[in-house]
N, C-alpha and C. Protein backbone atom coordinates (compact mmCIF):
# COMPACT_ATOMS: atom_id res chain seq x y z
N MET A 1 5.57 -9.46 -6.96
CA MET A 1 6.17 -8.26 -7.51
C MET A 1 6.46 -8.48 -8.98
N ASN A 2 6.22 -7.49 -9.77
CA ASN A 2 6.43 -7.57 -11.20
C ASN A 2 7.92 -7.47 -11.50
N PRO A 3 8.54 -8.49 -12.10
CA PRO A 3 9.98 -8.46 -12.34
C PRO A 3 10.41 -7.42 -13.36
N THR A 4 9.48 -6.84 -14.13
CA THR A 4 9.84 -5.84 -15.12
C THR A 4 9.91 -4.44 -14.55
N ARG A 5 9.52 -4.25 -13.30
CA ARG A 5 9.58 -2.92 -12.69
C ARG A 5 11.03 -2.52 -12.46
N THR A 6 11.26 -1.22 -12.43
CA THR A 6 12.62 -0.73 -12.22
C THR A 6 13.02 -0.87 -10.76
N THR A 7 14.31 -0.80 -10.51
CA THR A 7 14.80 -0.91 -9.13
C THR A 7 14.47 0.32 -8.32
N ALA A 8 14.07 1.42 -8.95
CA ALA A 8 13.72 2.64 -8.22
C ALA A 8 12.40 2.47 -7.47
N ALA A 9 11.54 1.58 -7.93
CA ALA A 9 10.23 1.42 -7.31
C ALA A 9 10.30 1.06 -5.84
N PRO A 10 11.11 0.08 -5.41
CA PRO A 10 11.15 -0.23 -3.97
C PRO A 10 11.62 0.96 -3.13
N THR A 11 12.57 1.74 -3.65
CA THR A 11 13.05 2.91 -2.92
C THR A 11 11.93 3.92 -2.76
N GLY A 12 11.17 4.15 -3.82
CA GLY A 12 10.05 5.09 -3.74
C GLY A 12 9.00 4.63 -2.75
N ARG A 13 8.68 3.33 -2.78
CA ARG A 13 7.68 2.80 -1.84
C ARG A 13 8.20 2.92 -0.41
N LYS A 14 9.49 2.70 -0.22
CA LYS A 14 10.08 2.81 1.12
C LYS A 14 9.96 4.24 1.62
N ARG A 15 10.23 5.21 0.76
CA ARG A 15 10.13 6.62 1.16
C ARG A 15 8.69 7.00 1.48
N VAL A 16 7.75 6.50 0.70
CA VAL A 16 6.34 6.78 0.98
C VAL A 16 5.97 6.22 2.35
N ALA A 17 6.41 4.98 2.63
CA ALA A 17 6.10 4.36 3.92
C ALA A 17 6.75 5.14 5.06
N GLN A 18 7.99 5.58 4.88
CA GLN A 18 8.65 6.37 5.92
C GLN A 18 7.94 7.69 6.14
N GLY A 19 7.53 8.33 5.07
CA GLY A 19 6.81 9.59 5.20
C GLY A 19 5.49 9.41 5.92
N LYS A 20 4.82 8.33 5.63
CA LYS A 20 3.55 8.03 6.28
C LYS A 20 3.76 7.83 7.77
N GLU A 21 4.82 7.12 8.14
CA GLU A 21 5.11 6.87 9.55
C GLU A 21 5.49 8.16 10.28
N GLN A 22 6.26 9.01 9.63
CA GLN A 22 6.77 10.22 10.27
C GLN A 22 5.75 11.34 10.32
N SER A 23 4.78 11.33 9.45
CA SER A 23 3.85 12.44 9.36
C SER A 23 2.65 12.24 10.27
N GLY A 24 2.43 13.20 11.12
CA GLY A 24 1.23 13.19 11.96
C GLY A 24 0.22 14.19 11.45
N SER A 25 0.41 14.65 10.22
CA SER A 25 -0.40 15.75 9.71
C SER A 25 -1.55 15.31 8.83
N GLY A 26 -1.83 14.01 8.74
CA GLY A 26 -2.98 13.56 7.98
C GLY A 26 -2.68 13.17 6.55
N VAL A 27 -1.44 12.97 6.20
CA VAL A 27 -1.09 12.58 4.85
C VAL A 27 -1.54 11.16 4.55
N SER A 28 -1.62 10.32 5.58
CA SER A 28 -1.87 8.90 5.34
C SER A 28 -3.13 8.60 4.53
N PRO A 29 -4.26 9.30 4.67
CA PRO A 29 -5.40 8.96 3.80
C PRO A 29 -5.08 9.17 2.32
N LEU A 30 -4.31 10.20 2.02
CA LEU A 30 -3.92 10.44 0.64
C LEU A 30 -3.03 9.31 0.15
N ILE A 31 -2.09 8.89 0.98
CA ILE A 31 -1.20 7.80 0.60
C ILE A 31 -1.98 6.50 0.50
N GLN A 32 -2.89 6.25 1.43
CA GLN A 32 -3.69 5.03 1.38
C GLN A 32 -4.50 4.99 0.10
N GLN A 33 -5.09 6.11 -0.26
CA GLN A 33 -5.88 6.17 -1.48
C GLN A 33 -4.99 5.87 -2.68
N ASN A 34 -3.81 6.43 -2.69
CA ASN A 34 -2.89 6.20 -3.79
C ASN A 34 -2.42 4.75 -3.83
N ASN A 35 -2.17 4.15 -2.69
CA ASN A 35 -1.64 2.80 -2.65
C ASN A 35 -2.65 1.75 -3.09
N GLN A 36 -3.90 2.13 -3.32
CA GLN A 36 -4.89 1.19 -3.82
C GLN A 36 -4.58 0.82 -5.27
N SER A 37 -3.72 1.56 -5.89
CA SER A 37 -3.37 1.30 -7.28
C SER A 37 -1.87 1.18 -7.44
N ARG A 38 -1.41 0.15 -8.12
CA ARG A 38 0.03 0.00 -8.38
C ARG A 38 0.54 1.14 -9.23
N ASP A 39 -0.33 1.70 -10.09
CA ASP A 39 0.09 2.82 -10.92
C ASP A 39 0.51 4.00 -10.06
N GLY A 40 -0.19 4.21 -8.98
CA GLY A 40 0.15 5.31 -8.08
C GLY A 40 1.49 5.10 -7.43
N SER A 41 1.78 3.88 -7.02
CA SER A 41 3.09 3.58 -6.44
C SER A 41 4.18 3.85 -7.46
N ALA A 42 3.93 3.51 -8.69
CA ALA A 42 4.92 3.77 -9.73
C ALA A 42 5.11 5.26 -9.94
N THR A 43 4.03 6.04 -9.81
CA THR A 43 4.15 7.49 -9.94
C THR A 43 5.07 8.04 -8.88
N PHE A 44 4.84 7.66 -7.63
CA PHE A 44 5.70 8.13 -6.55
C PHE A 44 7.13 7.67 -6.76
N ALA A 45 7.31 6.42 -7.14
CA ALA A 45 8.64 5.84 -7.25
C ALA A 45 9.46 6.47 -8.36
N THR A 46 8.84 6.91 -9.43
CA THR A 46 9.60 7.44 -10.55
C THR A 46 9.74 8.95 -10.51
N SER A 47 8.75 9.68 -10.03
CA SER A 47 8.84 11.13 -10.05
C SER A 47 9.35 11.70 -8.74
N LEU A 48 9.16 10.99 -7.64
CA LEU A 48 9.56 11.42 -6.30
C LEU A 48 8.98 12.76 -5.90
N SER A 49 7.88 13.12 -6.50
CA SER A 49 7.13 14.30 -6.07
C SER A 49 5.70 14.17 -6.58
N ILE A 50 4.84 14.93 -5.96
CA ILE A 50 3.45 14.97 -6.42
C ILE A 50 2.99 16.41 -6.38
N GLU A 51 2.42 16.84 -7.49
CA GLU A 51 1.96 18.21 -7.66
C GLU A 51 0.45 18.19 -7.90
N PRO A 52 -0.21 19.33 -7.69
CA PRO A 52 -1.66 19.37 -7.92
C PRO A 52 -2.08 18.86 -9.30
N ASP A 53 -1.29 19.13 -10.32
CA ASP A 53 -1.62 18.65 -11.67
C ASP A 53 -1.67 17.13 -11.75
N ASP A 54 -0.93 16.45 -10.88
CA ASP A 54 -0.91 14.99 -10.88
C ASP A 54 -2.26 14.39 -10.53
N PHE A 55 -3.11 15.15 -9.87
CA PHE A 55 -4.42 14.64 -9.47
C PHE A 55 -5.36 14.47 -10.67
N ASP A 56 -4.97 15.01 -11.82
CA ASP A 56 -5.77 14.84 -13.04
C ASP A 56 -5.48 13.51 -13.72
N ALA A 57 -4.46 12.79 -13.24
CA ALA A 57 -4.03 11.54 -13.88
C ALA A 57 -4.40 10.33 -13.03
N VAL A 58 -4.31 9.16 -13.65
CA VAL A 58 -4.52 7.89 -12.96
C VAL A 58 -3.41 7.75 -11.93
N PRO A 59 -3.64 7.32 -10.74
CA PRO A 59 -4.86 6.76 -10.18
C PRO A 59 -5.71 7.80 -9.46
N PHE A 60 -5.16 9.01 -9.30
CA PHE A 60 -5.86 10.01 -8.49
C PHE A 60 -7.23 10.38 -9.06
N ASN A 61 -7.32 10.52 -10.38
CA ASN A 61 -8.60 10.90 -10.97
C ASN A 61 -9.66 9.81 -10.79
N GLN A 62 -9.23 8.58 -10.55
CA GLN A 62 -10.17 7.49 -10.31
C GLN A 62 -10.75 7.53 -8.90
N HIS A 63 -10.15 8.36 -8.06
CA HIS A 63 -10.59 8.47 -6.67
C HIS A 63 -11.07 9.87 -6.33
N GLY A 64 -11.44 10.65 -7.34
CA GLY A 64 -12.00 11.97 -7.12
C GLY A 64 -11.08 13.12 -7.47
N GLY A 65 -9.84 12.83 -7.78
CA GLY A 65 -8.91 13.85 -8.25
C GLY A 65 -8.63 14.95 -7.25
N LEU A 66 -8.28 16.11 -7.78
CA LEU A 66 -7.90 17.25 -6.96
C LEU A 66 -9.07 17.73 -6.11
N GLY A 67 -10.27 17.67 -6.64
CA GLY A 67 -11.44 18.08 -5.88
C GLY A 67 -11.62 17.25 -4.62
N LYS A 68 -11.44 15.95 -4.72
CA LYS A 68 -11.57 15.06 -3.56
C LYS A 68 -10.45 15.33 -2.56
N ALA A 69 -9.25 15.58 -3.06
CA ALA A 69 -8.13 15.88 -2.16
C ALA A 69 -8.42 17.15 -1.37
N TYR A 70 -8.94 18.18 -2.05
CA TYR A 70 -9.30 19.41 -1.33
C TYR A 70 -10.46 19.17 -0.37
N GLN A 71 -11.39 18.31 -0.75
CA GLN A 71 -12.51 17.98 0.14
C GLN A 71 -11.98 17.32 1.41
N LEU A 72 -11.00 16.44 1.27
CA LEU A 72 -10.44 15.74 2.42
C LEU A 72 -9.53 16.61 3.27
N PHE A 73 -8.70 17.44 2.62
CA PHE A 73 -7.65 18.15 3.34
C PHE A 73 -7.81 19.66 3.37
N GLY A 74 -8.72 20.19 2.57
CA GLY A 74 -8.98 21.62 2.58
C GLY A 74 -7.75 22.45 2.28
N GLU A 75 -7.64 23.56 3.00
CA GLU A 75 -6.54 24.49 2.79
C GLU A 75 -5.19 23.90 3.19
N GLN A 76 -5.20 22.77 3.89
CA GLN A 76 -3.95 22.12 4.30
C GLN A 76 -3.28 21.36 3.16
N LEU A 77 -4.00 21.13 2.06
CA LEU A 77 -3.45 20.30 0.98
C LEU A 77 -2.11 20.79 0.46
N PRO A 78 -1.93 22.07 0.12
CA PRO A 78 -0.61 22.50 -0.36
C PRO A 78 0.51 22.21 0.64
N LYS A 79 0.25 22.45 1.92
CA LYS A 79 1.25 22.18 2.95
C LYS A 79 1.55 20.68 3.02
N LEU A 80 0.51 19.86 2.95
CA LEU A 80 0.70 18.41 3.00
C LEU A 80 1.51 17.90 1.80
N LEU A 81 1.23 18.46 0.63
CA LEU A 81 1.99 18.06 -0.55
C LEU A 81 3.45 18.48 -0.41
N ASP A 82 3.69 19.67 0.13
CA ASP A 82 5.07 20.11 0.37
C ASP A 82 5.78 19.15 1.32
N GLU A 83 5.11 18.76 2.41
CA GLU A 83 5.71 17.84 3.38
C GLU A 83 5.98 16.48 2.74
N LEU A 84 5.02 15.99 1.98
CA LEU A 84 5.17 14.71 1.31
C LEU A 84 6.34 14.74 0.32
N ASN A 85 6.42 15.81 -0.46
CA ASN A 85 7.50 15.93 -1.44
C ASN A 85 8.86 16.04 -0.76
N GLU A 86 8.91 16.70 0.38
CA GLU A 86 10.16 16.80 1.12
C GLU A 86 10.64 15.42 1.56
N VAL A 87 9.71 14.61 2.06
CA VAL A 87 10.06 13.26 2.50
C VAL A 87 10.47 12.39 1.31
N LEU A 88 9.75 12.51 0.21
CA LEU A 88 10.06 11.70 -0.96
C LEU A 88 11.42 12.06 -1.57
N ALA A 89 11.80 13.31 -1.48
CA ALA A 89 13.06 13.76 -2.06
C ALA A 89 14.26 13.47 -1.17
N ALA A 90 14.01 13.16 0.10
CA ALA A 90 15.11 12.93 1.04
C ALA A 90 15.89 11.68 0.73
């Protein structure tokens, strides 16, 4: 673990893991894709939300961005993001 990271990062990662465990709606591939990059974990840990605009930034754009997310989740994507954000904000 990088000692220069903020203390908020472990809390954010914990919330992502809890959301992944609690969600049976298919969020896990999105989270798995994000977890391939430490930058993505930092995004979740510091902002505690993810919006469609975030898919234009690293690490999401390195994995296909918003287009790939819609390809994977289709019309369910907005609902999945709402569920994910609810868990992250809890």
